[in-house]
Amino acid sequence: MESEWSSNFVFPLQSMLSNTKNESAVYIRATEICKYVASKYFRSNQMLLECLQDCEESKERSLLTLGLEPWREICANLPGKQIRYHFV
């Protein structure tokens, strides 16, 4: 996989995998998170991004914005075979 893929995905998933040691459990949990994200959290995520855009540029703003990106990418790609392949 490209390094861009790993930088966007590895940290949240690696943390979950370190805690469970079970790839299937991580996939199931990520799916549950993304369902929640799709129905409620995504709107909160978007509201936070809009709020951050109103803030003065800073390292903190950049970090908060970057922190939202991995889950957006994971959830956008989770139903696909590319992501599923890495869990089973």
N, C-alpha and C. Protein backbone atom coordinates (compact mmCIF):
# COMPACT_ATOMS: atom_id res chain seq x y z
N MET A 1 0.83 -1.18 0.00
CA MET A 1 0.00 0.00 0.00
C MET A 1 0.87 1.25 0.00
N GLU A 2 0.32 2.30 -0.53
CA GLU A 2 1.04 3.56 -0.57
C GLU A 2 1.16 4.14 0.83
N SER A 3 2.19 4.93 1.03
CA SER A 3 2.37 5.55 2.34
C SER A 3 1.23 6.50 2.67
N GLU A 4 0.62 7.11 1.65
CA GLU A 4 -0.53 7.99 1.91
C GLU A 4 -1.66 7.19 2.56
N TRP A 5 -1.91 5.98 2.05
CA TRP A 5 -2.95 5.13 2.63
C TRP A 5 -2.62 4.85 4.09
N SER A 6 -1.40 4.47 4.36
CA SER A 6 -1.06 4.13 5.74
C SER A 6 -1.13 5.34 6.66
N SER A 7 -0.72 6.50 6.19
CA SER A 7 -0.79 7.68 7.06
C SER A 7 -2.23 8.09 7.33
N ASN A 8 -3.13 7.84 6.40
CA ASN A 8 -4.53 8.19 6.61
C ASN A 8 -5.27 7.16 7.44
N PHE A 9 -4.82 5.93 7.44
CA PHE A 9 -5.59 4.86 8.04
C PHE A 9 -4.97 4.20 9.26
N VAL A 10 -3.69 4.08 9.32
CA VAL A 10 -3.06 3.18 10.28
C VAL A 10 -3.27 3.58 11.73
N PHE A 11 -3.29 4.84 12.05
CA PHE A 11 -3.31 5.21 13.46
C PHE A 11 -4.59 4.82 14.19
N PRO A 12 -5.79 5.18 13.72
CA PRO A 12 -6.98 4.74 14.46
C PRO A 12 -7.14 3.22 14.43
N LEU A 13 -6.86 2.62 13.30
CA LEU A 13 -7.02 1.18 13.19
C LEU A 13 -5.96 0.44 14.00
N GLN A 14 -4.74 0.95 13.98
CA GLN A 14 -3.67 0.32 14.75
C GLN A 14 -3.97 0.37 16.24
N SER A 15 -4.50 1.47 16.69
CA SER A 15 -4.86 1.59 18.10
C SER A 15 -5.92 0.56 18.47
N MET A 16 -6.94 0.41 17.63
CA MET A 16 -7.97 -0.58 17.91
C MET A 16 -7.40 -1.99 17.86
N LEU A 17 -6.53 -2.26 16.90
CA LEU A 17 -5.94 -3.58 16.77
C LEU A 17 -5.03 -3.89 17.96
N SER A 18 -4.30 -2.91 18.43
CA SER A 18 -3.43 -3.12 19.59
C SER A 18 -4.23 -3.51 20.82
N ASN A 19 -5.44 -2.96 20.94
CA ASN A 19 -6.29 -3.26 22.09
C ASN A 19 -6.98 -4.60 21.99
N THR A 20 -7.36 -5.01 20.78
CA THR A 20 -8.14 -6.25 20.65
C THR A 20 -7.33 -7.45 20.19
N LYS A 21 -6.29 -7.22 19.40
CA LYS A 21 -5.47 -8.28 18.80
C LYS A 21 -6.30 -9.18 17.88
N ASN A 22 -7.41 -8.67 17.38
CA ASN A 22 -8.32 -9.47 16.57
C ASN A 22 -8.79 -8.63 15.38
N GLU A 23 -8.32 -8.98 14.17
CA GLU A 23 -8.64 -8.20 12.99
C GLU A 23 -10.13 -8.15 12.70
N SER A 24 -10.81 -9.27 12.87
CA SER A 24 -12.26 -9.29 12.61
C SER A 24 -13.01 -8.38 13.58
N ALA A 25 -12.60 -8.38 14.83
CA ALA A 25 -13.24 -7.52 15.82
C ALA A 25 -13.01 -6.04 15.49
N VAL A 26 -11.83 -5.72 14.99
CA VAL A 26 -11.53 -4.34 14.61
C VAL A 26 -12.41 -3.93 13.42
N TYR A 27 -12.55 -4.83 12.45
CA TYR A 27 -13.40 -4.52 11.30
C TYR A 27 -14.84 -4.28 11.74
N ILE A 28 -15.34 -5.13 12.61
CA ILE A 28 -16.71 -4.99 13.11
C ILE A 28 -16.86 -3.67 13.85
N ARG A 29 -15.90 -3.36 14.71
CA ARG A 29 -15.96 -2.11 15.48
C ARG A 29 -15.88 -0.89 14.55
N ALA A 30 -15.00 -0.94 13.57
CA ALA A 30 -14.89 0.17 12.63
C ALA A 30 -16.20 0.35 11.86
N THR A 31 -16.83 -0.75 11.50
CA THR A 31 -18.13 -0.69 10.82
C THR A 31 -19.17 -0.03 11.71
N GLU A 32 -19.19 -0.41 12.99
CA GLU A 32 -20.13 0.20 13.93
C GLU A 32 -19.87 1.70 14.08
N ILE A 33 -18.61 2.07 14.18
CA ILE A 33 -18.25 3.48 14.30
C ILE A 33 -18.71 4.24 13.06
N CYS A 34 -18.49 3.65 11.90
CA CYS A 34 -18.86 4.35 10.67
C CYS A 34 -20.37 4.46 10.50
N LYS A 35 -21.12 3.48 10.97
CA LYS A 35 -22.58 3.59 10.93
C LYS A 35 -23.01 4.77 11.80
N TYR A 36 -22.40 4.88 12.97
CA TYR A 36 -22.70 5.99 13.87
C TYR A 36 -22.28 7.31 13.22
N VAL A 37 -21.11 7.27 12.61
CA VAL A 37 -20.60 8.47 11.94
C VAL A 37 -21.57 8.90 10.85
N ALA A 38 -22.04 7.93 10.09
CA ALA A 38 -22.92 8.26 8.98
C ALA A 38 -24.23 8.89 9.46
N SER A 39 -24.74 8.42 10.58
CA SER A 39 -26.04 8.91 11.00
C SER A 39 -25.98 10.17 11.87
N LYS A 40 -24.98 10.28 12.74
CA LYS A 40 -24.96 11.40 13.69
C LYS A 40 -23.62 12.11 13.72
N TYR A 41 -22.56 11.35 13.85
CA TYR A 41 -21.26 11.95 14.10
C TYR A 41 -20.77 12.75 12.91
N PHE A 42 -21.10 12.29 11.72
CA PHE A 42 -20.62 13.00 10.54
C PHE A 42 -21.08 14.46 10.57
N ARG A 43 -22.32 14.67 10.98
CA ARG A 43 -22.81 16.04 11.06
C ARG A 43 -22.00 16.82 12.09
N SER A 44 -21.70 16.19 13.22
CA SER A 44 -20.87 16.85 14.23
C SER A 44 -19.48 17.12 13.70
N ASN A 45 -18.95 16.15 12.96
CA ASN A 45 -17.64 16.31 12.33
C ASN A 45 -17.64 17.52 11.41
N GLN A 46 -18.67 17.62 10.59
CA GLN A 46 -18.77 18.73 9.65
C GLN A 46 -18.90 20.05 10.38
N MET A 47 -19.68 20.06 11.45
CA MET A 47 -19.84 21.29 12.24
C MET A 47 -18.51 21.71 12.85
N LEU A 48 -17.74 20.73 13.33
CA LEU A 48 -16.43 21.04 13.90
C LEU A 48 -15.50 21.60 12.83
N LEU A 49 -15.50 20.99 11.65
CA LEU A 49 -14.66 21.51 10.56
C LEU A 49 -15.03 22.94 10.20
N GLU A 50 -16.32 23.22 10.13
CA GLU A 50 -16.77 24.58 9.82
C GLU A 50 -16.35 25.55 10.92
N CYS A 51 -16.46 25.12 12.16
CA CYS A 51 -16.04 25.95 13.28
C CYS A 51 -14.54 26.23 13.22
N LEU A 52 -13.77 25.19 12.93
CA LEU A 52 -12.32 25.34 12.85
C LEU A 52 -11.91 26.30 11.74
N GLN A 53 -12.68 26.32 10.65
CA GLN A 53 -12.36 27.22 9.55
C GLN A 53 -12.49 28.69 9.96
N ASP A 54 -13.34 28.93 10.96
CA ASP A 54 -13.50 30.29 11.46
C ASP A 54 -12.39 30.70 12.43
N CYS A 55 -11.62 29.72 12.87
CA CYS A 55 -10.54 29.99 13.82
C CYS A 55 -9.29 30.49 13.10
N GLU A 56 -8.49 31.21 13.83
CA GLU A 56 -7.21 31.67 13.33
C GLU A 56 -6.33 30.45 13.02
N GLU A 57 -5.56 30.52 11.95
CA GLU A 57 -4.68 29.40 11.63
C GLU A 57 -3.68 29.19 12.75
N SER A 58 -3.53 27.94 13.15
CA SER A 58 -2.60 27.60 14.22
C SER A 58 -2.27 26.12 14.13
N LYS A 59 -1.26 25.70 14.87
CA LYS A 59 -0.91 24.28 14.92
C LYS A 59 -2.06 23.47 15.50
N GLU A 60 -2.72 24.02 16.50
CA GLU A 60 -3.83 23.32 17.15
C GLU A 60 -4.98 23.10 16.16
N ARG A 61 -5.28 24.13 15.40
CA ARG A 61 -6.34 24.00 14.39
C ARG A 61 -5.98 22.93 13.37
N SER A 62 -4.74 22.96 12.92
CA SER A 62 -4.28 21.96 11.95
C SER A 62 -4.37 20.55 12.52
N LEU A 63 -3.96 20.38 13.76
CA LEU A 63 -4.01 19.06 14.38
C LEU A 63 -5.44 18.55 14.54
N LEU A 64 -6.33 19.42 14.96
CA LEU A 64 -7.73 19.01 15.10
C LEU A 64 -8.33 18.63 13.75
N THR A 65 -8.02 19.41 12.74
CA THR A 65 -8.52 19.12 11.40
C THR A 65 -7.96 17.80 10.88
N LEU A 66 -6.67 17.60 11.06
CA LEU A 66 -6.05 16.35 10.62
C LEU A 66 -6.59 15.15 11.39
N GLY A 67 -6.93 15.35 12.65
CA GLY A 67 -7.45 14.27 13.46
C GLY A 67 -8.79 13.74 12.98
N LEU A 68 -9.54 14.56 12.26
CA LEU A 68 -10.83 14.12 11.73
C LEU A 68 -10.69 13.35 10.42
N GLU A 69 -9.61 13.57 9.72
CA GLU A 69 -9.43 12.99 8.39
C GLU A 69 -9.38 11.45 8.36
N PRO A 70 -8.66 10.80 9.25
CA PRO A 70 -8.59 9.33 9.16
C PRO A 70 -9.95 8.65 9.20
N TRP A 71 -10.82 9.07 10.11
CA TRP A 71 -12.12 8.40 10.19
C TRP A 71 -13.00 8.73 8.99
N ARG A 72 -12.86 9.91 8.45
CA ARG A 72 -13.62 10.23 7.24
C ARG A 72 -13.19 9.30 6.10
N GLU A 73 -11.89 9.11 5.96
CA GLU A 73 -11.37 8.22 4.92
C GLU A 73 -11.73 6.76 5.18
N ILE A 74 -11.60 6.33 6.42
CA ILE A 74 -11.93 4.95 6.77
C ILE A 74 -13.39 4.68 6.45
N CYS A 75 -14.27 5.55 6.90
CA CYS A 75 -15.70 5.33 6.70
C CYS A 75 -16.10 5.42 5.23
N ALA A 76 -15.43 6.26 4.48
CA ALA A 76 -15.72 6.37 3.06
C ALA A 76 -15.31 5.11 2.30
N ASN A 77 -14.33 4.40 2.81
CA ASN A 77 -13.80 3.23 2.11
C ASN A 77 -14.10 1.90 2.77
N LEU A 78 -14.67 1.90 3.94
CA LEU A 78 -14.89 0.67 4.69
C LEU A 78 -15.74 -0.36 3.95
N PRO A 79 -16.82 0.04 3.28
CA PRO A 79 -17.61 -0.99 2.60
C PRO A 79 -16.86 -1.66 1.45
N GLY A 80 -15.80 -1.04 0.99
CA GLY A 80 -15.07 -1.57 -0.16
C GLY A 80 -14.21 -2.77 0.16
N LYS A 81 -13.92 -3.54 -0.86
CA LYS A 81 -13.10 -4.75 -0.71
C LYS A 81 -11.67 -4.41 -0.30
N GLN A 82 -11.18 -3.24 -0.72
CA GLN A 82 -9.80 -2.87 -0.41
C GLN A 82 -9.57 -2.83 1.09
N ILE A 83 -10.49 -2.26 1.84
CA ILE A 83 -10.34 -2.18 3.29
C ILE A 83 -10.62 -3.53 3.92
N ARG A 84 -11.67 -4.19 3.51
CA ARG A 84 -12.06 -5.48 4.08
C ARG A 84 -10.92 -6.48 3.95
N TYR A 85 -10.22 -6.45 2.84
CA TYR A 85 -9.11 -7.37 2.58
C TYR A 85 -8.07 -7.31 3.69
N HIS A 86 -7.83 -6.16 4.26
CA HIS A 86 -6.80 -6.00 5.27
C HIS A 86 -7.22 -6.52 6.64
N PHE A 87 -8.49 -6.85 6.79
CA PHE A 87 -8.98 -7.30 8.08
C PHE A 87 -9.21 -8.80 8.16
N VAL A 88 -9.31 -9.46 7.03
CA VAL A 88 -9.61 -10.91 7.07
C VAL A 88 -8.53 -11.70 6.39
